[in-house]
C-alpha atoms as a PDB file:
ATOM      1  CA  UNK A   1     109.367  -6.408  69.935  1.00  0.00           C
ATOM      2  CA  UNK A   2     112.275  -7.532  72.376  1.00  0.00           C
ATOM      3  CA  UNK A   3     112.477  -6.964  76.174  1.00  0.00           C
ATOM      4  CA  UNK A   4     113.695  -2.738  76.488  1.00  0.00           C
ATOM      5  CA  UNK A   5     112.346  -2.594  80.600  1.00  0.00           C
ATOM      6  CA  UNK A   6     113.539  -4.984  82.514  1.00  0.00           C
ATOM      7  CA  UNK A   7     111.307  -5.377  85.851  1.00  0.00           C
ATOM      8  CA  UNK A   8     113.336  -7.594  88.813  1.00  0.00           C
ATOM      9  CA  UNK A   9     111.458  -8.420  91.866  1.00  0.00           C
ATOM     10  CA  UNK A  10     114.004  -9.780  95.182  1.00  0.00           C
ATOM     11  CA  UNK A  11     112.284 -10.314  97.657  1.00  0.00           C
ATOM     12  CA  UNK A  12     115.583 -11.698  99.382  1.00  0.00           C
ATOM     13  CA  UNK A  13     119.579 -10.775  99.618  1.00  0.00           C
ATOM     14  CA  UNK A  14     119.489 -14.882  98.382  1.00  0.00           C
ATOM     15  CA  UNK A  15     116.647 -15.091  95.784  1.00  0.00           C
ATOM     16  CA  UNK A  16     118.585 -11.800  94.467  1.00  0.00           C
ATOM     17  CA  UNK A  17     121.098 -12.068  93.353  1.00  0.00           C
ATOM     18  CA  UNK A  18     119.537 -15.234  91.139  1.00  0.00           C
ATOM     19  CA  UNK A  19     116.881 -12.974  89.690  1.00  0.00           C
ATOM     20  CA  UNK A  20     119.071 -10.464  89.050  1.00  0.00           C
ATOM     21  CA  UNK A  21     121.973 -12.482  87.106  1.00  0.00           C
ATOM     22  CA  UNK A  22     119.013 -13.651  84.742  1.00  0.00           C
ATOM     23  CA  UNK A  23     117.604  -9.924  83.985  1.00  0.00           C
ATOM     24  CA  UNK A  24     121.568  -9.040  83.696  1.00  0.00           C
ATOM     25  CA  UNK A  25     122.156 -11.726  81.422  1.00  0.00           C
ATOM     26  CA  UNK A  26     118.576 -10.747  79.687  1.00  0.00           C
ATOM     27  CA  UNK A  27     119.342  -7.300  79.042  1.00  0.00           C
ATOM     28  CA  UNK A  28     123.056  -7.855  77.897  1.00  0.00           C
ATOM     29  CA  UNK A  29     121.429  -9.480  75.842  1.00  0.00           C
ATOM     30  CA  UNK A  30     118.418  -6.803  74.488  1.00  0.00           C
ATOM     31  CA  UNK A  31     119.909  -3.590  75.855  1.00  0.00           C
ATOM     32  CA  UNK A  32     117.330  -3.489  78.791  1.00  0.00           C
ATOM     33  CA  UNK A  33     117.331  -1.665  81.660  1.00  0.00           C
ATOM     34  CA  UNK A  34     116.314  -2.979  84.814  1.00  0.00           C
ATOM     35  CA  UNK A  35     115.113  -1.571  87.568  1.00  0.00           C
ATOM     36  CA  UNK A  36     115.140  -3.709  89.979  1.00  0.00           C
ATOM     37  CA  UNK A  37     112.194  -3.752  93.497  1.00  0.00           C
ATOM     38  CA  UNK A  38     111.528  -4.822  96.320  1.00  0.00           C
ATOM     39  CA  UNK A  39     109.179  -4.595  99.077  1.00  0.00           C
ATOM     40  CA  UNK A  40     109.826  -4.504 102.757  1.00  0.00           C
ATOM     41  CA  UNK A  41     107.245  -4.879 104.868  1.00  0.00           C
ATOM     42  CA  UNK A  42     105.885  -3.066 107.948  1.00  0.00           C
ATOM     43  CA  UNK A  43     106.333  -4.428 111.218  1.00  0.00           C
ATOM     44  CA  UNK A  44     103.241  -5.595 112.693  1.00  0.00           C
ATOM     45  CA  UNK A  45     103.284  -6.109 116.031  1.00  0.00           C
ATOM     46  CA  UNK A  46      99.520  -8.279 117.860  1.00  0.00           C
ATOM     47  CA  UNK A  47      98.899  -7.703 121.108  1.00  0.00           C
ATOM     48  CA  UNK A  48      97.485 -10.690 123.150  1.00  0.00           C
ATOM     49  CA  UNK A  49      95.938  -8.893 125.401  1.00  0.00           C
ATOM     50  CA  UNK A  50      94.051  -5.929 125.318  1.00  0.00           C
ATOM     51  CA  UNK A  51      96.096  -4.493 127.887  1.00  0.00           C
ATOM     52  CA  UNK A  52      99.184  -5.399 127.265  1.00  0.00           C
ATOM     53  CA  UNK A  53     102.308  -3.145 125.464  1.00  0.00           C
ATOM     54  CA  UNK A  54     103.963  -3.788 122.497  1.00  0.00           C
ATOM     55  CA  UNK A  55     107.328  -3.709 124.078  1.00  0.00           C
ATOM     56  CA  UNK A  56     109.788  -0.446 122.184  1.00  0.00           C
ATOM     57  CA  UNK A  57     113.299  -2.495 121.996  1.00  0.00           C
ATOM     58  CA  UNK A  58     111.619  -6.001 120.190  1.00  0.00           C
ATOM     59  CA  UNK A  59     109.399  -3.205 117.732  1.00  0.00           C
ATOM     60  CA  UNK A  60     113.551  -1.585 116.892  1.00  0.00           C
ATOM     61  CA  UNK A  61     114.475  -4.786 116.819  1.00  0.00           C
ATOM     62  CA  UNK A  62     112.506  -5.729 113.756  1.00  0.00           C
ATOM     63  CA  UNK A  63     112.264  -3.024 112.036  1.00  0.00           C
ATOM     64  CA  UNK A  64     115.835  -3.400 112.058  1.00  0.00           C
ATOM     65  CA  UNK A  65     115.791  -6.443 111.169  1.00  0.00           C
ATOM     66  CA  UNK A  66     113.026  -5.596 107.902  1.00  0.00           C
ATOM     67  CA  UNK A  67     116.186  -2.375 107.191  1.00  0.00           C
ATOM     68  CA  UNK A  68     118.902  -5.210 106.812  1.00  0.00           C
ATOM     69  CA  UNK A  69     117.139  -7.053 104.340  1.00  0.00           C
ATOM     70  CA  UNK A  70     116.488  -4.556 102.246  1.00  0.00           C
ATOM     71  CA  UNK A  71     119.696  -3.037 102.026  1.00  0.00           C
ATOM     72  CA  UNK A  72     121.427  -6.290 101.198  1.00  0.00           C
ATOM     73  CA  UNK A  73     118.170  -7.443  98.670  1.00  0.00           C
ATOM     74  CA  UNK A  74     119.567  -3.521  97.628  1.00  0.00           C
ATOM     75  CA  UNK A  75     123.382  -4.593  98.160  1.00  0.00           C
ATOM     76  CA  UNK A  76     123.063  -7.785  95.846  1.00  0.00           C
ATOM     77  CA  UNK A  77     121.563  -5.945  92.614  1.00  0.00           C
ATOM     78  CA  UNK A  78     123.584  -2.941  92.498  1.00  0.00           C
ATOM     79  CA  UNK A  79     127.412  -4.492  92.610  1.00  0.00           C
ATOM     80  CA  UNK A  80     125.979  -7.365  90.020  1.00  0.00           C
ATOM     81  CA  UNK A  81     123.950  -3.557  87.924  1.00  0.00           C
ATOM     82  CA  UNK A  82     127.433  -2.228  88.635  1.00  0.00           C
ATOM     83  CA  UNK A  83     129.782  -4.939  87.664  1.00  0.00           C
ATOM     84  CA  UNK A  84     127.690  -5.428  84.327  1.00  0.00           C
ATOM     85  CA  UNK A  85     127.913  -1.378  83.676  1.00  0.00           C
ATOM     86  CA  UNK A  86     124.409  -2.223  83.256  1.00  0.00           C
ATOM     87  CA  UNK A  87     121.005   0.395  82.887  1.00  0.00           C
ATOM     88  CA  UNK A  88     119.654   0.216  85.426  1.00  0.00           C
ATOM     89  CA  UNK A  89     117.942   2.088  88.922  1.00  0.00           C
ATOM     90  CA  UNK A  90     116.821   0.997  92.143  1.00  0.00           C
ATOM     91  CA  UNK A  91     113.249   0.583  94.028  1.00  0.00           C
ATOM     92  CA  UNK A  92     111.998   0.292  97.673  1.00  0.00           C
ATOM     93  CA  UNK A  93     108.534   0.464  98.582  1.00  0.00           C
ATOM     94  CA  UNK A  94     107.100   0.318 101.382  1.00  0.00           C
ATOM     95  CA  UNK A  95     103.341  -1.151 102.199  1.00  0.00           C
ATOM     96  CA  UNK A  96     101.860  -4.797 104.008  1.00  0.00           C
ATOM     97  CA  UNK A  97     100.913  -5.335 100.265  1.00  0.00           C
ATOM     98  CA  UNK A  98     104.282  -7.213  99.160  1.00  0.00           C
ATOM     99  CA  UNK A  99     103.960  -7.917  95.944  1.00  0.00           C
ATOM    100  CA  UNK A 100     100.369  -6.622  95.222  1.00  0.00           C
ATOM    101  CA  UNK A 101     101.042  -2.646  96.562  1.00  0.00           C
ATOM    102  CA  UNK A 102     101.212  -0.333  94.451  1.00  0.00           C
ATOM    103  CA  UNK A 103     104.481   0.846  93.906  1.00  0.00           C
ATOM    104  CA  UNK A 104     105.456  -3.296  92.664  1.00  0.00           C
ATOM    105  CA  UNK A 105     102.722  -3.278  90.351  1.00  0.00           C
ATOM    106  CA  UNK A 106     103.226   0.107  89.020  1.00  0.00           C
ATOM    107  CA  UNK A 107     106.455   0.021  87.625  1.00  0.00           C
ATOM    108  CA  UNK A 108     105.905  -3.910  86.852  1.00  0.00           C
ATOM    109  CA  UNK A 109     102.331  -2.883  84.951  1.00  0.00           C
ATOM    110  CA  UNK A 110     105.003  -0.351  83.018  1.00  0.00           C
ATOM    111  CA  UNK A 111     107.446  -3.454  82.223  1.00  0.00           C
ATOM    112  CA  UNK A 112     108.006  -5.385  78.724  1.00  0.00           C
ATOM    113  CA  UNK A 113     109.133  -8.408  81.203  1.00  0.00           C
ATOM    114  CA  UNK A 114     108.656  -9.502  84.978  1.00  0.00           C
ATOM    115  CA  UNK A 115     111.447 -11.604  87.059  1.00  0.00           C
ATOM    116  CA  UNK A 116     110.596 -13.280  90.262  1.00  0.00           C
ATOM    117  CA  UNK A 117     112.495 -16.264  91.962  1.00  0.00           C
ATOM    118  CA  UNK A 118     110.170 -19.479  92.180  1.00  0.00           C
ATOM    119  CA  UNK A 119     108.940 -19.734  95.240  1.00  0.00           C
ATOM    120  CA  UNK A 120     109.537 -22.548  97.889  1.00  0.00           C
ATOM    121  CA  UNK A 121     107.085 -23.101 101.025  1.00  0.00           C
ATOM    122  CA  UNK A 122     109.940 -24.159 102.843  1.00  0.00           C
ATOM    123  CA  UNK A 123     112.376 -21.484 102.207  1.00  0.00           C
ATOM    124  CA  UNK A 124     111.965 -17.632 102.903  1.00  0.00           C
ATOM    125  CA  UNK A 125     111.385 -15.827  99.862  1.00  0.00           C
ATOM    126  CA  UNK A 126     108.151 -14.626  97.680  1.00  0.00           C
ATOM    127  CA  UNK A 127     105.277 -17.028  98.259  1.00  0.00           C
ATOM    128  CA  UNK A 128     102.014 -18.447  96.004  1.00  0.00           C
ATOM    129  CA  UNK A 129     100.291 -15.447  97.208  1.00  0.00           C
ATOM    130  CA  UNK A 130     103.362 -12.411  95.453  1.00  0.00           C
ATOM    131  CA  UNK A 131     103.150 -14.547  92.742  1.00  0.00           C
ATOM    132  CA  UNK A 132      99.677 -15.078  91.888  1.00  0.00           C
ATOM    133  CA  UNK A 133     100.221 -11.092  92.447  1.00  0.00           C
ATOM    134  CA  UNK A 134     101.851  -9.911  90.355  1.00  0.00           C
ATOM    135  CA  UNK A 135     100.120 -12.247  87.530  1.00  0.00           C
ATOM    136  CA  UNK A 136      96.501 -11.572  88.368  1.00  0.00           C
ATOM    137  CA  UNK A 137      97.347  -7.567  88.229  1.00  0.00           C
ATOM    138  CA  UNK A 138     100.767  -6.604  86.297  1.00  0.00           C
ATOM    139  CA  UNK A 139      99.585  -7.824  83.446  1.00  0.00           C
ATOM    140  CA  UNK A 140     101.992  -8.635  81.704  1.00  0.00           C
ATOM    141  CA  UNK A 141     104.966 -12.148  81.030  1.00  0.00           C
ATOM    142  CA  UNK A 142     105.976 -13.018  84.137  1.00  0.00           C
ATOM    143  CA  UNK A 143     109.509 -14.938  83.880  1.00  0.00           C
ATOM    144  CA  UNK A 144     109.896 -17.590  87.425  1.00  0.00           C
ATOM    145  CA  UNK A 145     113.938 -17.961  88.075  1.00  0.00           C
ATOM    146  CA  UNK A 146     114.421 -21.931  88.975  1.00  0.00           C
ATOM    147  CA  UNK A 147     114.761 -23.400  92.006  1.00  0.00           C
ATOM    148  CA  UNK A 148     116.555 -25.450  90.807  1.00  0.00           C
ATOM    149  CA  UNK A 149     119.694 -24.066  88.401  1.00  0.00           C
ATOM    150  CA  UNK A 150     121.643 -21.969  89.667  1.00  0.00           C
ATOM    151  CA  UNK A 151     122.541 -19.284  87.418  1.00  0.00           C
ATOM    152  CA  UNK A 152     121.704 -18.262  83.567  1.00  0.00           C
ATOM    153  CA  UNK A 153     122.594 -19.663  80.920  1.00  0.00           C
ATOM    154  CA  UNK A 154     121.660 -19.107  76.918  1.00  0.00           C
ATOM    155  CA  UNK A 155     118.273 -20.321  75.930  1.00  0.00           C
ATOM    156  CA  UNK A 156     118.726 -22.219  72.287  1.00  0.00           C
ATOM    157  CA  UNK A 157     115.920 -24.730  73.920  1.00  0.00           C
ATOM    158  CA  UNK A 158     111.903 -23.324  74.213  1.00  0.00           C
ATOM    159  CA  UNK A 159     108.925 -25.873  75.412  1.00  0.00           C
ATOM    160  CA  UNK A 160     106.537 -24.073  74.502  1.00  0.00           C
ATOM    161  CA  UNK A 161     102.767 -25.797  76.623  1.00  0.00           C
ATOM    162  CA  UNK A 162      99.983 -24.836  74.141  1.00  0.00           C
ATOM    163  CA  UNK A 163      96.458 -25.788  74.568  1.00  0.00           C
ATOM    164  CA  UNK A 164      95.094 -23.714  72.519  1.00  0.00           C
ATOM    165  CA  UNK A 165      93.928 -21.798  75.641  1.00  0.00           C
ATOM    166  CA  UNK A 166      93.420 -17.613  75.367  1.00  0.00           C
ATOM    167  CA  UNK A 167      96.515 -17.309  78.508  1.00  0.00           C
ATOM    168  CA  UNK A 168      98.484 -20.386  76.425  1.00  0.00           C
ATOM    169  CA  UNK A 169      98.159 -17.634  73.580  1.00  0.00           C
ATOM    170  CA  UNK A 170      99.279 -14.937  75.045  1.00  0.00           C
ATOM    171  CA  UNK A 171     102.181 -16.551  76.283  1.00  0.00           C
ATOM    172  CA  UNK A 172     103.565 -17.626  72.995  1.00  0.00           C
ATOM    173  CA  UNK A 173     103.211 -14.203  71.519  1.00  0.00           C
ATOM    174  CA  UNK A 174     105.129 -11.946  75.345  1.00  0.00           C
ATOM    175  CA  UNK A 175     107.330 -14.233  74.831  1.00  0.00           C
ATOM    176  CA  UNK A 176     108.982 -14.352  70.854  1.00  0.00           C
ATOM    177  CA  UNK A 177     111.938 -12.207  72.005  1.00  0.00           C
ATOM    178  CA  UNK A 178     113.115 -15.951  72.981  1.00  0.00           C
ATOM    179  CA  UNK A 179     111.301 -17.983  70.531  1.00  0.00           C
ATOM    180  CA  UNK A 180     112.869 -15.483  67.569  1.00  0.00           C
ATOM    181  CA  UNK A 181     116.818 -15.907  69.228  1.00  0.00           C
ATOM    182  CA  UNK A 182     116.199 -19.906  70.214  1.00  0.00           C
ATOM    183  CA  UNK A 183     117.675 -22.221  67.666  1.00  0.00           C
ATOM    184  CA  UNK A 184     114.825 -24.830  68.793  1.00  0.00           C
ATOM    185  CA  UNK A 185     111.159 -24.476  69.306  1.00  0.00           C
ATOM    186  CA  UNK A 186     108.831 -27.541  70.111  1.00  0.00           C
ATOM    187  CA  UNK A 187     105.207 -26.439  70.966  1.00  0.00           C
ATOM    188  CA  UNK A 188     103.990 -30.044  73.005  1.00  0.00           C
ATOM    189  CA  UNK A 189     100.531 -30.918  73.440  1.00  0.00           C
ATOM    190  CA  UNK A 190      99.900 -33.103  76.377  1.00  0.00           C
ATOM    191  CA  UNK A 191      96.479 -35.099  76.002  1.00  0.00           C
ATOM    192  CA  UNK A 192      95.394 -33.098  72.547  1.00  0.00           C
ATOM    193  CA  UNK A 193      91.558 -33.645  72.460  1.00  0.00           C
ATOM    194  CA  UNK A 194      90.216 -34.610  69.047  1.00  0.00           C
ATOM    195  CA  UNK A 195      88.279 -32.737  67.258  1.00  0.00           C
ATOM    196  CA  UNK A 196      85.407 -31.930  64.122  1.00  0.00           C
ATOM    197  CA  UNK A 197      87.609 -29.325  63.866  1.00  0.00           C
ATOM    198  CA  UNK A 198      91.245 -30.552  64.246  1.00  0.00           C
ATOM    199  CA  UNK A 199      93.128 -33.839  64.460  1.00  0.00           C
ATOM    200  CA  UNK A 200      94.784 -33.992  67.515  1.00  0.00           C
ATOM    201  CA  UNK A 201      98.102 -35.090  65.996  1.00  0.00           C
ATOM    202  CA  UNK A 202      98.120 -31.542  64.489  1.00  0.00           C
ATOM    203  CA  UNK A 203      97.394 -29.625  67.482  1.00  0.00           C
ATOM    204  CA  UNK A 204     100.035 -26.884  66.669  1.00  0.00           C
ATOM    205  CA  UNK A 205     100.015 -27.115  63.795  1.00  0.00           C
ATOM    206  CA  UNK A 206      98.731 -23.910  63.500  1.00  0.00           C
ATOM    207  CA  UNK A 207     100.477 -21.829  65.564  1.00  0.00           C
ATOM    208  CA  UNK A 208     103.675 -23.816  64.126  1.00  0.00           C
ATOM    209  CA  UNK A 209     102.968 -22.209  60.655  1.00  0.00           C
ATOM    210  CA  UNK A 210     102.687 -18.272  62.845  1.00  0.00           C
ATOM    211  CA  UNK A 211     105.670 -18.603  64.211  1.00  0.00           C
ATOM    212  CA  UNK A 212     108.000 -19.712  61.734  1.00  0.00           C
ATOM    213  CA  UNK A 213     106.140 -16.178  59.364  1.00  0.00           C
ATOM    214  CA  UNK A 214     108.422 -14.453  62.474  1.00  0.00           C
ATOM    215  CA  UNK A 215     111.521 -16.314  61.857  1.00  0.00           C
ATOM    216  CA  UNK A 216     111.106 -19.122  65.160  1.00  0.00           C
ATOM    217  CA  UNK A 217     112.051 -23.118  63.664  1.00  0.00           C
ATOM    218  CA  UNK A 218     109.325 -24.606  65.884  1.00  0.00           C
ATOM    219  CA  UNK A 219     107.294 -28.703  65.495  1.00  0.00           C
ATOM    220  CA  UNK A 220     104.933 -30.225  66.523  1.00  0.00           C
ATOM    221  CA  UNK A 221     105.007 -32.354  68.808  1.00  0.00           C
ATOM    222  CA  UNK A 222     102.023 -34.657  71.628  1.00  0.00           C
ATOM    223  CA  UNK A 223     102.288 -36.926  74.760  1.00  0.00           C
ATOM    224  CA  UNK A 224     100.027 -38.609  76.807  1.00  0.00           C
ATOM    225  CA  UNK A 225     100.179 -38.274  80.963  1.00  0.00           C
ATOM    226  CA  UNK A 226      99.731 -41.318  81.201  1.00  0.00           C
ATOM    227  CA  UNK A 227      99.005 -40.917  84.949  1.00  0.00           C
ATOM    228  CA  UNK A 228     101.355 -38.144  85.270  1.00  0.00           C
ATOM    229  CA  UNK A 229     100.112 -34.776  86.327  1.00  0.00           C
ATOM    230  CA  UNK A 230     100.491 -31.906  83.404  1.00  0.00           C
ATOM    231  CA  UNK A 231     102.652 -29.938  85.690  1.00  0.00           C
ATOM    232  CA  UNK A 232     105.455 -33.341  85.848  1.00  0.00           C
ATOM    233  CA  UNK A 233     104.679 -34.610  81.588  1.00  0.00           C
ATOM    234  CA  UNK A 234     106.431 -30.657  81.508  1.00  0.00           C
ATOM    235  CA  UNK A 235     108.526 -31.294  83.246  1.00  0.00           C
ATOM    236  CA  UNK A 236     109.135 -34.850  81.846  1.00  0.00           C
ATOM    237  CA  UNK A 237     109.342 -33.136  78.732  1.00  0.00           C
ATOM    238  CA  UNK A 238     111.892 -30.660  79.831  1.00  0.00           C
ATOM    239  CA  UNK A 239     114.377 -32.200  80.713  1.00  0.00           C
ATOM    240  CA  UNK A 240     114.690 -34.337  77.127  1.00  0.00           C
ATOM    241  CA  UNK A 241     114.797 -32.211  75.237  1.00  0.00           C
ATOM    242  CA  UNK A 242     116.372 -30.040  77.026  1.00  0.00           C
ATOM    243  CA  UNK A 243     114.861 -26.846  77.265  1.00  0.00           C
ATOM    244  CA  UNK A 244     116.611 -23.925  78.600  1.00  0.00           C
ATOM    245  CA  UNK A 245     112.789 -22.239  78.507  1.00  0.00           C
ATOM    246  CA  UNK A 246     109.202 -23.266  79.526  1.00  0.00           C
ATOM    247  CA  UNK A 247     106.262 -21.343  77.584  1.00  0.00           C
ATOM    248  CA  UNK A 248     102.736 -21.417  79.606  1.00  0.00           C
ATOM    249  CA  UNK A 249      99.174 -19.653  79.981  1.00  0.00           C
ATOM    250  CA  UNK A 250      98.656 -19.296  83.803  1.00  0.00           C
ATOM    251  CA  UNK A 251      95.856 -20.070  85.346  1.00  0.00           C
ATOM    252  CA  UNK A 252      93.109 -21.262  82.654  1.00  0.00           C
ATOM    253  CA  UNK A 253      91.180 -22.141  85.239  1.00  0.00           C
ATOM    254  CA  UNK A 254      89.491 -19.983  88.071  1.00  0.00           C
ATOM    255  CA  UNK A 255      92.276 -18.468  90.636  1.00  0.00           C
ATOM    256  CA  UNK A 256      90.430 -19.946  93.461  1.00  0.00           C
ATOM    257  CA  UNK A 257      89.959 -23.753  91.871  1.00  0.00           C
ATOM    258  CA  UNK A 258      93.742 -23.990  91.385  1.00  0.00           C
ATOM    259  CA  UNK A 259      93.530 -23.196  94.838  1.00  0.00           C
ATOM    260  CA  UNK A 260      91.414 -25.707  96.306  1.00  0.00           C
ATOM    261  CA  UNK A 261      92.655 -27.936  93.591  1.00  0.00           C
ATOM    262  CA  UNK A 262      95.776 -27.412  92.549  1.00  0.00           C
ATOM    263  CA  UNK A 263      96.369 -26.652  89.311  1.00  0.00           C
ATOM    264  CA  UNK A 264      99.023 -27.396  86.540  1.00  0.00           C
ATOM    265  CA  UNK A 265      99.522 -23.323  86.703  1.00  0.00           C
ATOM    266  CA  UNK A 266     100.964 -23.799  91.096  1.00  0.00           C
ATOM    267  CA  UNK A 267     102.687 -26.950  90.704  1.00  0.00           C
ATOM    268  CA  UNK A 268     105.445 -25.307  88.241  1.00  0.00           C
ATOM    269  CA  UNK A 269     105.485 -22.450  90.774  1.00  0.00           C
ATOM    270  CA  UNK A 270     107.275 -24.524  92.970  1.00  0.00           C
ATOM    271  CA  UNK A 271     108.393 -26.769  91.149  1.00  0.00           C
ATOM    272  CA  UNK A 272     109.826 -26.634  87.518  1.00  0.00           C
ATOM    273  CA  UNK A 273     113.265 -27.977  86.642  1.00  0.00           C
ATOM    274  CA  UNK A 274     113.722 -25.006  84.400  1.00  0.00           C
ATOM    275  CA  UNK A 275     113.007 -20.630  84.555  1.00  0.00           C
ATOM    276  CA  UNK A 276     108.978 -20.443  82.864  1.00  0.00           C
ATOM    277  CA  UNK A 277     107.439 -17.167  80.993  1.00  0.00           C
ATOM    278  CA  UNK A 278     103.884 -16.976  82.379  1.00  0.00           C
ATOM    279  CA  UNK A 279     101.748 -15.322  81.057  1.00  0.00           C
ATOM    280  CA  UNK A 280      98.006 -14.657  80.870  1.00  0.00           C
END
C-alpha cells in the first residue's frame, strides 16, 4: 500500500504553499500524482432593506477579489509542482458549499490521502466546518499540516494515539505507508482502562504485534492525563519523542457533542504541534 493519488485542498495563497510542499514531499517518496483543489466561494450580497439594490461596482470588486485569490492559490501550487517536476493537475470549483461542494468531495473520495491546512480561527484560511466536511464526507484519511511547522521534514518518528476505537483502528491502517518507513513508532494510550479482557499495561500490544508483521518497529506505552486535556497530553508526548506525525481516529464521539463541548479531535485540528493524520 502506498499513496499514489494525493489531493491537496488549498484555501489561501499562504496555506497553499505549505500544503503543496507537504504533498510534494509525499509524492516524491511514493511516485504519486498530486491534485491541487481550490473552492472559490461565489459573491453573496446581503440586502438590509427590501428596496435596496446592490452596488454593481461593489459586487464586481468582490468577484475580482475572489478571482485574484484563486489565481494566487493556483500560482503557488503550479510553481512548486513545476519546479519539482512532479505529476500534477489543478482543479478549481465554485460554489457556496466550499470544501463540501460535490467537486471537492468527489475528488477527495478518489484519492489515497487528502492534505489540508490546520484551521486557525484568528487568520484567513480553512474553517473548522471545512475540515469537518472533509473528514465526514470524503471517507479518506486527512493529513492536517500544522500551523506550528514551517515546512515538511522527513517523518522518522510517529506517535499513534490509541484508544482501541473503530476510528483509531482505521487511522492506524490508513497511515501504514508512514508507519512502514518510520524509524520508530510509538503506540500511546492515555488513561487506558483496566478490563477483564486486557490489562491497561498491555493496551496496544496486539496492535504492535500486527504492525510488526508489516515490518513496523512499534513500541507500546501509556500515560496519565494528570488533569490535562487528552490533546495537551498528546502534544506533550509528541514533543517528548520528537514525533514528526500524530496518527489518530477522529470523532469517536458524535459530531454534535464535539461541537457543543469540544473534544480531542477539535482541539488537535486547531492546536496540533506537528502534522496529524486523522481518519474516521
